[in-house]
Amino acid sequence: MATSGITAYSVKTKTKNVPMLNPVIDIKSGRYIATGNDAAGNKMAAIMGKSTAEEHVKNGNAKKGSGW
């Protein structure tokens, strides 16, 4: 599993800036949402702006999901 530059808050472990593994960025209701897992396999999500999302996709940090 490749780590990306995307970090998110883990609700289960209550820790901030946890690296997201294999993120997929979807567009839902005009918002860019990255979903993935942490190292322990817990699901995570992060909402980001359009420019940040496009930068992560361009750099190969994330894959495009639905809504593009």
PDB file of N, CA and C in Angstrom:
ATOM      1  N   MET A   1       0.830  -1.185   0.000  1.00  0.00           N
ATOM      2  CA  MET A   1       0.000   0.000   0.000  1.00  0.00           C
ATOM      3  C   MET A   1       0.875   1.249   0.000  1.00  0.00           C
ATOM      4  N   ALA A   2       0.538   2.186  -0.845  1.00  0.00           N
ATOM      5  CA  ALA A   2       1.330   3.402  -0.945  1.00  0.00           C
ATOM      6  C   ALA A   2       0.719   4.503  -0.083  1.00  0.00           C
ATOM      7  N   THR A   3       1.561   5.201   0.644  1.00  0.00           N
ATOM      8  CA  THR A   3       1.066   6.337   1.413  1.00  0.00           C
ATOM      9  C   THR A   3       1.009   7.547   0.501  1.00  0.00           C
ATOM     10  N   SER A   4       0.120   8.466   0.806  1.00  0.00           N
ATOM     11  CA  SER A   4      -0.045   9.659  -0.011  1.00  0.00           C
ATOM     12  C   SER A   4       0.235  10.887   0.830  1.00  0.00           C
ATOM     13  N   GLY A   5       0.120  12.034   0.212  1.00  0.00           N
ATOM     14  CA  GLY A   5       0.292  13.279   0.927  1.00  0.00           C
ATOM     15  C   GLY A   5      -0.984  13.701   1.641  1.00  0.00           C
ATOM     16  N   ILE A   6      -2.029  12.904   1.537  1.00  0.00           N
ATOM     17  CA  ILE A   6      -3.312  13.257   2.140  1.00  0.00           C
ATOM     18  C   ILE A   6      -3.347  12.733   3.572  1.00  0.00           C
ATOM     19  N   THR A   7      -3.700  13.615   4.497  1.00  0.00           N
ATOM     20  CA  THR A   7      -3.865  13.211   5.887  1.00  0.00           C
ATOM     21  C   THR A   7      -5.283  13.543   6.326  1.00  0.00           C
ATOM     22  N   ALA A   8      -5.773  12.832   7.326  1.00  0.00           N
ATOM     23  CA  ALA A   8      -7.134  13.040   7.807  1.00  0.00           C
ATOM     24  C   ALA A   8      -7.198  12.745   9.299  1.00  0.00           C
ATOM     25  N   TYR A   9      -8.319  13.096   9.897  1.00  0.00           N
ATOM     26  CA  TYR A   9      -8.566  12.810  11.307  1.00  0.00           C
ATOM     27  C   TYR A   9      -9.163  11.411  11.415  1.00  0.00           C
ATOM     28  N   SER A  10      -8.600  10.586  12.284  1.00  0.00           N
ATOM     29  CA  SER A  10      -9.126   9.247  12.502  1.00  0.00           C
ATOM     30  C   SER A  10     -10.097   9.294  13.669  1.00  0.00           C
ATOM     31  N   VAL A  11     -11.375   9.073  13.404  1.00  0.00           N
ATOM     32  CA  VAL A  11     -12.398   9.117  14.442  1.00  0.00           C
ATOM     33  C   VAL A  11     -12.212   7.962  15.419  1.00  0.00           C
ATOM     34  N   LYS A  12     -11.833   6.818  14.904  1.00  0.00           N
ATOM     35  CA  LYS A  12     -11.708   5.638  15.754  1.00  0.00           C
ATOM     36  C   LYS A  12     -10.571   5.771  16.764  1.00  0.00           C
ATOM     37  N   THR A  13      -9.419   6.270  16.304  1.00  0.00           N
ATOM     38  CA  THR A  13      -8.277   6.392  17.215  1.00  0.00           C
ATOM     39  C   THR A  13      -8.142   7.802  17.806  1.00  0.00           C
ATOM     40  N   LYS A  14      -8.992   8.733  17.343  1.00  0.00           N
ATOM     41  CA  LYS A  14      -8.989  10.122  17.813  1.00  0.00           C
ATOM     42  C   LYS A  14      -7.626  10.793  17.659  1.00  0.00           C
ATOM     43  N   THR A  15      -6.998  10.600  16.512  1.00  0.00           N
ATOM     44  CA  THR A  15      -5.708  11.222  16.227  1.00  0.00           C
ATOM     45  C   THR A  15      -5.801  12.053  14.949  1.00  0.00           C
ATOM     46  N   LYS A  16      -5.042  13.154  14.916  1.00  0.00           N
ATOM     47  CA  LYS A  16      -5.047  14.059  13.771  1.00  0.00           C
ATOM     48  C   LYS A  16      -3.884  13.746  12.836  1.00  0.00           C
ATOM     49  N   ASN A  17      -4.025  14.185  11.599  1.00  0.00           N
ATOM     50  CA  ASN A  17      -2.974  14.081  10.575  1.00  0.00           C
ATOM     51  C   ASN A  17      -2.466  12.661  10.366  1.00  0.00           C
ATOM     52  N   VAL A  18      -3.394  11.720  10.298  1.00  0.00           N
ATOM     53  CA  VAL A  18      -3.046  10.326  10.041  1.00  0.00           C
ATOM     54  C   VAL A  18      -2.910  10.145   8.525  1.00  0.00           C
ATOM     55  N   PRO A  19      -1.794   9.592   8.035  1.00  0.00           N
ATOM     56  CA  PRO A  19      -1.635   9.398   6.587  1.00  0.00           C
ATOM     57  C   PRO A  19      -2.693   8.440   6.028  1.00  0.00           C
ATOM     58  N   MET A  20      -3.264   8.806   4.880  1.00  0.00           N
ATOM     59  CA  MET A  20      -4.287   7.997   4.235  1.00  0.00           C
ATOM     60  C   MET A  20      -3.637   7.077   3.202  1.00  0.00           C
ATOM     61  N   LEU A  21      -4.012   5.806   3.209  1.00  0.00           N
ATOM     62  CA  LEU A  21      -3.485   4.835   2.260  1.00  0.00           C
ATOM     63  C   LEU A  21      -4.469   4.646   1.111  1.00  0.00           C
ATOM     64  N   ASN A  22      -3.952   4.618  -0.098  1.00  0.00           N
ATOM     65  CA  ASN A  22      -4.732   4.382  -1.317  1.00  0.00           C
ATOM     66  C   ASN A  22      -5.996   5.236  -1.390  1.00  0.00           C
ATOM     67  N   PRO A  23      -5.859   6.576  -1.338  1.00  0.00           N
ATOM     68  CA  PRO A  23      -7.057   7.424  -1.378  1.00  0.00           C
ATOM     69  C   PRO A  23      -7.691   7.492  -2.762  1.00  0.00           C
ATOM     70  N   VAL A  24      -9.000   7.648  -2.772  1.00  0.00           N
ATOM     71  CA  VAL A  24      -9.774   7.865  -3.993  1.00  0.00           C
ATOM     72  C   VAL A  24     -10.571   9.140  -3.768  1.00  0.00           C
ATOM     73  N   ILE A  25     -10.475  10.099  -4.704  1.00  0.00           N
ATOM     74  CA  ILE A  25     -11.172  11.376  -4.560  1.00  0.00           C
ATOM     75  C   ILE A  25     -12.432  11.354  -5.412  1.00  0.00           C
ATOM     76  N   ASP A  26     -13.579  11.508  -4.752  1.00  0.00           N
ATOM     77  CA  ASP A  26     -14.875  11.583  -5.418  1.00  0.00           C
ATOM     78  C   ASP A  26     -15.404  13.006  -5.314  1.00  0.00           C
ATOM     79  N   ILE A  27     -16.297  13.358  -6.224  1.00  0.00           N
ATOM     80  CA  ILE A  27     -16.972  14.646  -6.137  1.00  0.00           C
ATOM     81  C   ILE A  27     -18.438  14.354  -5.829  1.00  0.00           C
ATOM     82  N   LYS A  28     -18.887  14.830  -4.673  1.00  0.00           N
ATOM     83  CA  LYS A  28     -20.274  14.650  -4.255  1.00  0.00           C
ATOM     84  C   LYS A  28     -20.830  16.003  -3.851  1.00  0.00           C
ATOM     85  N   SER A  29     -21.903  16.417  -4.470  1.00  0.00           N
ATOM     86  CA  SER A  29     -22.554  17.697  -4.171  1.00  0.00           C
ATOM     87  C   SER A  29     -21.586  18.869  -4.288  1.00  0.00           C
ATOM     88  N   GLY A  30     -20.677  18.802  -5.255  1.00  0.00           N
ATOM     89  CA  GLY A  30     -19.730  19.879  -5.474  1.00  0.00           C
ATOM     90  C   GLY A  30     -18.557  19.892  -4.522  1.00  0.00           C
ATOM     91  N   ARG A  31     -18.444  18.900  -3.639  1.00  0.00           N
ATOM     92  CA  ARG A  31     -17.330  18.826  -2.694  1.00  0.00           C
ATOM     93  C   ARG A  31     -16.398  17.691  -3.093  1.00  0.00           C
ATOM     94  N   TYR A  32     -15.133  17.918  -2.877  1.00  0.00           N
ATOM     95  CA  TYR A  32     -14.118  16.915  -3.189  1.00  0.00           C
ATOM     96  C   TYR A  32     -13.817  16.141  -1.911  1.00  0.00           C
ATOM     97  N   ILE A  33     -14.096  14.843  -1.921  1.00  0.00           N
ATOM     98  CA  ILE A  33     -13.963  14.010  -0.733  1.00  0.00           C
ATOM     99  C   ILE A  33     -12.985  12.874  -1.021  1.00  0.00           C
ATOM    100  N   ALA A  34     -11.905  12.827  -0.247  1.00  0.00           N
ATOM    101  CA  ALA A  34     -10.931  11.745  -0.365  1.00  0.00           C
ATOM    102  C   ALA A  34     -11.288  10.674   0.653  1.00  0.00           C
ATOM    103  N   THR A  35     -11.415   9.446   0.192  1.00  0.00           N
ATOM    104  CA  THR A  35     -11.698   8.341   1.096  1.00  0.00           C
ATOM    105  C   THR A  35     -10.580   7.314   0.971  1.00  0.00           C
ATOM    106  N   GLY A  36     -10.250   6.692   2.084  1.00  0.00           N
ATOM    107  CA  GLY A  36      -9.200   5.695   2.103  1.00  0.00           C
ATOM    108  C   GLY A  36      -9.139   5.031   3.456  1.00  0.00           C
ATOM    109  N   ASN A  37      -8.035   4.379   3.746  1.00  0.00           N
ATOM    110  CA  ASN A  37      -7.849   3.679   5.016  1.00  0.00           C
ATOM    111  C   ASN A  37      -6.576   4.149   5.687  1.00  0.00           C
ATOM    112  N   ASP A  38      -6.506   3.961   7.018  1.00  0.00           N
ATOM    113  CA  ASP A  38      -5.245   4.214   7.707  1.00  0.00           C
ATOM    114  C   ASP A  38      -4.457   2.909   7.771  1.00  0.00           C
ATOM    115  N   ALA A  39      -3.306   2.929   8.423  1.00  0.00           N
ATOM    116  CA  ALA A  39      -2.441   1.748   8.474  1.00  0.00           C
ATOM    117  C   ALA A  39      -3.102   0.561   9.160  1.00  0.00           C
ATOM    118  N   ALA A  40      -4.057   0.829  10.075  1.00  0.00           N
ATOM    119  CA  ALA A  40      -4.748  -0.252  10.783  1.00  0.00           C
ATOM    120  C   ALA A  40      -5.977  -0.751  10.032  1.00  0.00           C
ATOM    121  N   GLY A  41      -6.286  -0.152   8.883  1.00  0.00           N
ATOM    122  CA  GLY A  41      -7.421  -0.589   8.087  1.00  0.00           C
ATOM    123  C   GLY A  41      -8.718   0.133   8.397  1.00  0.00           C
ATOM    124  N   ASN A  42      -8.675   1.161   9.256  1.00  0.00           N
ATOM    125  CA  ASN A  42      -9.877   1.934   9.571  1.00  0.00           C
ATOM    126  C   ASN A  42     -10.201   2.878   8.420  1.00  0.00           C
ATOM    127  N   LYS A  43     -11.498   3.019   8.101  1.00  0.00           N
ATOM    128  CA  LYS A  43     -11.907   3.908   7.025  1.00  0.00           C
ATOM    129  C   LYS A  43     -11.736   5.357   7.456  1.00  0.00           C
ATOM    130  N   MET A  44     -11.329   6.192   6.490  1.00  0.00           N
ATOM    131  CA  MET A  44     -11.123   7.611   6.742  1.00  0.00           C
ATOM    132  C   MET A  44     -11.671   8.412   5.577  1.00  0.00           C
ATOM    133  N   ALA A  45     -11.977   9.688   5.831  1.00  0.00           N
ATOM    134  CA  ALA A  45     -12.421  10.590   4.777  1.00  0.00           C
ATOM    135  C   ALA A  45     -11.903  11.983   5.073  1.00  0.00           C
ATOM    136  N   ALA A  46     -11.640  12.746   4.018  1.00  0.00           N
ATOM    137  CA  ALA A  46     -11.186  14.129   4.169  1.00  0.00           C
ATOM    138  C   ALA A  46     -11.826  14.961   3.060  1.00  0.00           C
ATOM    139  N   ILE A  47     -12.354  16.109   3.437  1.00  0.00           N
ATOM    140  CA  ILE A  47     -12.936  17.033   2.467  1.00  0.00           C
ATOM    141  C   ILE A  47     -11.881  18.065   2.123  1.00  0.00           C
ATOM    142  N   MET A  48     -11.747  18.375   0.825  1.00  0.00           N
ATOM    143  CA  MET A  48     -10.730  19.332   0.392  1.00  0.00           C
ATOM    144  C   MET A  48     -11.273  20.192  -0.731  1.00  0.00           C
ATOM    145  N   GLY A  49     -10.546  21.234  -1.053  1.00  0.00           N
ATOM    146  CA  GLY A  49     -10.922  22.127  -2.132  1.00  0.00           C
ATOM    147  C   GLY A  49     -10.544  21.558  -3.491  1.00  0.00           C
ATOM    148  N   LYS A  50     -11.054  22.198  -4.536  1.00  0.00           N
ATOM    149  CA  LYS A  50     -10.819  21.726  -5.899  1.00  0.00           C
ATOM    150  C   LYS A  50      -9.339  21.741  -6.256  1.00  0.00           C
ATOM    151  N   SER A  51      -8.633  22.820  -5.938  1.00  0.00           N
ATOM    152  CA  SER A  51      -7.223  22.927  -6.317  1.00  0.00           C
ATOM    153  C   SER A  51      -6.377  21.878  -5.607  1.00  0.00           C
ATOM    154  N   THR A  52      -6.671  21.633  -4.323  1.00  0.00           N
ATOM    155  CA  THR A  52      -5.936  20.612  -3.566  1.00  0.00           C
ATOM    156  C   THR A  52      -6.192  19.232  -4.141  1.00  0.00           C
ATOM    157  N   ALA A  53      -7.448  18.934  -4.462  1.00  0.00           N
ATOM    158  CA  ALA A  53      -7.805  17.630  -5.018  1.00  0.00           C
ATOM    159  C   ALA A  53      -7.118  17.406  -6.362  1.00  0.00           C
ATOM    160  N   GLU A  54      -7.156  18.415  -7.237  1.00  0.00           N
ATOM    161  CA  GLU A  54      -6.523  18.273  -8.547  1.00  0.00           C
ATOM    162  C   GLU A  54      -5.009  18.125  -8.428  1.00  0.00           C
ATOM    163  N   GLU A  55      -4.403  18.787  -7.450  1.00  0.00           N
ATOM    164  CA  GLU A  55      -2.962  18.677  -7.229  1.00  0.00           C
ATOM    165  C   GLU A  55      -2.581  17.262  -6.801  1.00  0.00           C
ATOM    166  N   HIS A  56      -3.374  16.661  -5.896  1.00  0.00           N
ATOM    167  CA  HIS A  56      -3.103  15.294  -5.445  1.00  0.00           C
ATOM    168  C   HIS A  56      -3.239  14.298  -6.592  1.00  0.00           C
ATOM    169  N   VAL A  57      -4.240  14.478  -7.450  1.00  0.00           N
ATOM    170  CA  VAL A  57      -4.427  13.583  -8.594  1.00  0.00           C
ATOM    171  C   VAL A  57      -3.277  13.752  -9.582  1.00  0.00           C
ATOM    172  N   LYS A  58      -2.881  15.010  -9.834  1.00  0.00           N
ATOM    173  CA  LYS A  58      -1.797  15.300 -10.778  1.00  0.00           C
ATOM    174  C   LYS A  58      -0.472  14.690 -10.312  1.00  0.00           C
ATOM    175  N   ASN A  59      -0.218  14.741  -9.013  1.00  0.00           N
ATOM    176  CA  ASN A  59       1.033  14.201  -8.461  1.00  0.00           C
ATOM    177  C   ASN A  59       0.994  12.694  -8.284  1.00  0.00           C
ATOM    178  N   GLY A  60      -0.145  12.068  -8.544  1.00  0.00           N
ATOM    179  CA  GLY A  60      -0.252  10.633  -8.407  1.00  0.00           C
ATOM    180  C   GLY A  60      -0.500  10.180  -6.984  1.00  0.00           C
ATOM    181  N   ASN A  61      -0.858  11.106  -6.086  1.00  0.00           N
ATOM    182  CA  ASN A  61      -1.135  10.746  -4.693  1.00  0.00           C
ATOM    183  C   ASN A  61      -2.484  10.083  -4.519  1.00  0.00           C
ATOM    184  N   ALA A  62      -3.408  10.326  -5.453  1.00  0.00           N
ATOM    185  CA  ALA A  62      -4.761   9.799  -5.325  1.00  0.00           C
ATOM    186  C   ALA A  62      -5.306   9.448  -6.701  1.00  0.00           C
ATOM    187  N   LYS A  63      -6.337   8.606  -6.703  1.00  0.00           N
ATOM    188  CA  LYS A  63      -7.016   8.235  -7.935  1.00  0.00           C
ATOM    189  C   LYS A  63      -8.322   9.008  -8.036  1.00  0.00           C
ATOM    190  N   LYS A  64      -8.776   9.220  -9.278  1.00  0.00           N
ATOM    191  CA  LYS A  64     -10.071   9.849  -9.489  1.00  0.00           C
ATOM    192  C   LYS A  64     -11.173   8.830  -9.247  1.00  0.00           C
ATOM    193  N   GLY A  65     -12.189   9.237  -8.533  1.00  0.00           N
ATOM    194  CA  GLY A  65     -13.347   8.379  -8.285  1.00  0.00           C
ATOM    195  C   GLY A  65     -14.511   8.822  -9.136  1.00  0.00           C
ATOM    196  N   SER A  66     -15.706   8.720  -8.603  1.00  0.00           N
ATOM    197  CA  SER A  66     -16.909   9.086  -9.345  1.00  0.00           C
ATOM    198  C   SER A  66     -17.126  10.594  -9.287  1.00  0.00           C
ATOM    199  N   GLY A  67     -17.813  11.123 -10.282  1.00  0.00           N
ATOM    200  CA  GLY A  67     -18.203  12.513 -10.289  1.00  0.00           C
ATOM    201  C   GLY A  67     -17.306  13.435 -11.083  1.00  0.00           C
ATOM    202  N   TRP A  68     -16.176  12.950 -11.595  1.00  0.00           N
ATOM    203  CA  TRP A  68     -15.269  13.832 -12.325  1.00  0.00           C
ATOM    204  C   TRP A  68     -15.851  14.102 -13.653  1.00  0.00           C
TER     205      TRP A  68
END
